[in-house]
Amino acid sequence: MIDPLEGLPPGVIGFDAVGEVEASDYTGVLVPAVGAAAEQGPIRLVFVMGDRFDGYSTGAAWQDAKVGLEHHSKWRRMALVTDVGWVTHVARLFGWMIPGDFELFPLADRDAAITWAAAG
């Protein structure tokens, strides 16, 4: 499941991955929110994978790869907030492929990630 984050600065969208994330979570929640953000201006996203995150289904992993390609020129900043070892490893290897600016933050720095996404 992907739950929206509340109380973010204007122009920033954010989500918390909970349980196992399915392809339908992307197509039903994340993709429409990214599309709406792109219509309003640059996309600034905070994505949290915390203690309640259990992993991705195969379909969700494919949807995740496609999200960055859509609205390619509209991506400004994406902050990934996690302490999950394998996610951190993959983000360090492939973060350069994410359009716009990308930063990886530990869970303890969630507020700093939000501030970073809103800046610039």
Protein backbone atom coordinates (compact mmCIF):
# COMPACT_ATOMS: atom_id res chain seq x y z
CA MET A 1 0.00 0.00 0.00
CA ILE A 2 1.11 3.57 -0.63
CA ASP A 3 -0.26 6.12 1.85
CA PRO A 4 -0.10 9.86 1.14
CA LEU A 5 1.92 11.96 3.60
CA GLU A 6 0.03 14.86 5.16
CA GLY A 7 1.20 18.35 6.08
CA LEU A 8 3.82 18.76 3.35
CA PRO A 9 4.92 22.17 2.05
CA PRO A 10 3.12 23.51 -1.02
CA GLY A 11 4.38 21.90 -4.21
CA VAL A 12 5.66 18.74 -2.49
CA ILE A 13 3.91 15.38 -2.69
CA GLY A 14 4.86 12.50 -0.45
CA PHE A 15 4.04 8.89 0.25
CA ASP A 16 4.74 6.18 2.80
CA ALA A 17 5.15 2.60 1.53
CA VAL A 18 3.34 0.22 3.88
CA GLY A 19 3.33 -3.59 3.71
CA GLU A 20 3.97 -5.09 0.31
CA VAL A 21 3.59 -2.49 -2.44
CA GLU A 22 1.62 -3.76 -5.43
CA ALA A 23 1.40 -2.49 -9.02
CA SER A 24 -2.14 -1.28 -8.28
CA ASP A 25 -0.72 1.01 -5.58
CA TYR A 26 1.34 2.76 -8.22
CA THR A 27 -1.39 2.96 -10.83
CA GLY A 28 -4.10 3.92 -8.34
CA VAL A 29 -2.21 6.31 -6.03
CA LEU A 30 1.28 7.37 -7.08
CA VAL A 31 0.88 7.76 -10.85
CA PRO A 32 -2.23 9.99 -10.60
CA ALA A 33 -0.56 12.14 -7.91
CA VAL A 34 2.60 12.56 -9.98
CA GLY A 35 0.49 13.46 -13.02
CA ALA A 36 -1.44 16.07 -11.04
CA ALA A 37 1.80 17.50 -9.64
CA ALA A 38 3.26 17.71 -13.16
CA GLU A 39 0.26 19.76 -14.27
CA GLN A 40 0.91 22.25 -11.45
CA GLY A 41 4.68 22.64 -11.95
CA PRO A 42 7.87 20.78 -11.12
CA ILE A 43 7.50 17.42 -9.40
CA ARG A 44 8.94 17.31 -5.87
CA LEU A 45 8.45 13.91 -4.26
CA VAL A 46 9.26 12.46 -0.85
CA PHE A 47 8.96 8.68 -0.69
CA VAL A 48 9.30 6.93 2.68
CA MET A 49 10.07 3.23 3.08
CA GLY A 50 10.07 2.79 6.83
CA ASP A 51 9.56 0.03 9.36
CA ARG A 52 6.15 -0.86 7.95
CA PHE A 53 7.52 -1.47 4.41
CA ASP A 54 7.72 -5.18 3.53
CA GLY A 55 8.76 -5.07 -0.11
CA TYR A 56 7.59 -4.83 -3.70
CA SER A 57 5.65 -7.23 -5.85
CA THR A 58 7.19 -7.86 -9.28
CA GLY A 59 4.53 -5.68 -10.91
CA ALA A 60 5.23 -2.85 -8.49
CA ALA A 61 8.94 -2.92 -9.31
CA TRP A 62 8.07 -2.49 -12.99
CA GLN A 63 5.67 0.37 -12.22
CA ASP A 64 8.36 2.01 -10.09
CA ALA A 65 10.76 1.97 -13.03
CA LYS A 66 8.12 3.54 -15.30
CA VAL A 67 7.18 6.40 -12.92
CA GLY A 68 10.46 8.23 -13.50
CA LEU A 69 10.08 8.08 -17.27
CA GLU A 70 6.71 9.75 -17.37
CA HIS A 71 6.82 13.54 -17.16
CA HIS A 72 10.61 13.22 -17.46
CA SER A 73 11.26 16.95 -17.87
CA LYS A 74 9.01 17.89 -14.92
CA TRP A 75 10.97 16.06 -12.21
CA ARG A 76 12.77 18.55 -9.95
CA ARG A 77 13.58 16.67 -6.74
CA MET A 78 12.99 13.22 -5.31
CA ALA A 79 13.91 12.35 -1.73
CA LEU A 80 13.95 8.69 -0.78
CA VAL A 81 13.74 8.17 2.99
CA THR A 82 14.67 4.71 4.23
CA ASP A 83 16.85 2.57 6.45
CA VAL A 84 16.05 -0.61 4.48
CA GLY A 85 19.45 -2.01 3.51
CA TRP A 86 18.67 -3.41 0.09
CA VAL A 87 16.69 -0.29 -0.90
CA THR A 88 19.58 1.95 0.15
CA HIS A 89 21.99 -0.20 -1.85
CA VAL A 90 19.84 -0.13 -4.99
CA ALA A 91 19.27 3.64 -4.63
CA ARG A 92 23.02 4.25 -4.40
CA LEU A 93 23.63 2.16 -7.52
CA PHE A 94 20.82 3.52 -9.68
CA GLY A 95 19.90 6.90 -8.17
CA TRP A 96 21.76 8.67 -10.97
CA MET A 97 19.10 7.38 -13.37
CA ILE A 98 16.31 9.26 -11.62
CA PRO A 99 15.40 12.44 -13.49
CA GLY A 100 15.97 15.69 -11.62
CA ASP A 101 17.84 15.85 -8.33
CA PHE A 102 17.84 12.74 -6.15
CA GLU A 103 18.88 12.37 -2.51
CA LEU A 104 18.78 9.43 -0.13
CA PHE A 105 17.96 10.14 3.53
CA PRO A 106 17.83 7.90 6.61
CA LEU A 107 14.50 7.68 8.44
CA ALA A 108 15.84 9.90 11.22
CA ASP A 109 16.21 12.70 8.66
CA ARG A 110 12.66 12.55 7.26
CA ASP A 111 12.03 16.23 8.04
CA ALA A 112 15.30 17.21 6.36
CA ALA A 113 14.23 15.23 3.28
CA ILE A 114 10.97 17.16 3.12
CA THR A 115 12.81 20.47 3.50
CA TRP A 116 15.28 19.48 0.78
CA ALA A 117 12.50 18.43 -1.62
CA ALA A 118 10.73 21.77 -1.13
CA ALA A 119 13.89 23.84 -1.72
CA GLY A 120 15.68 24.59 -4.95
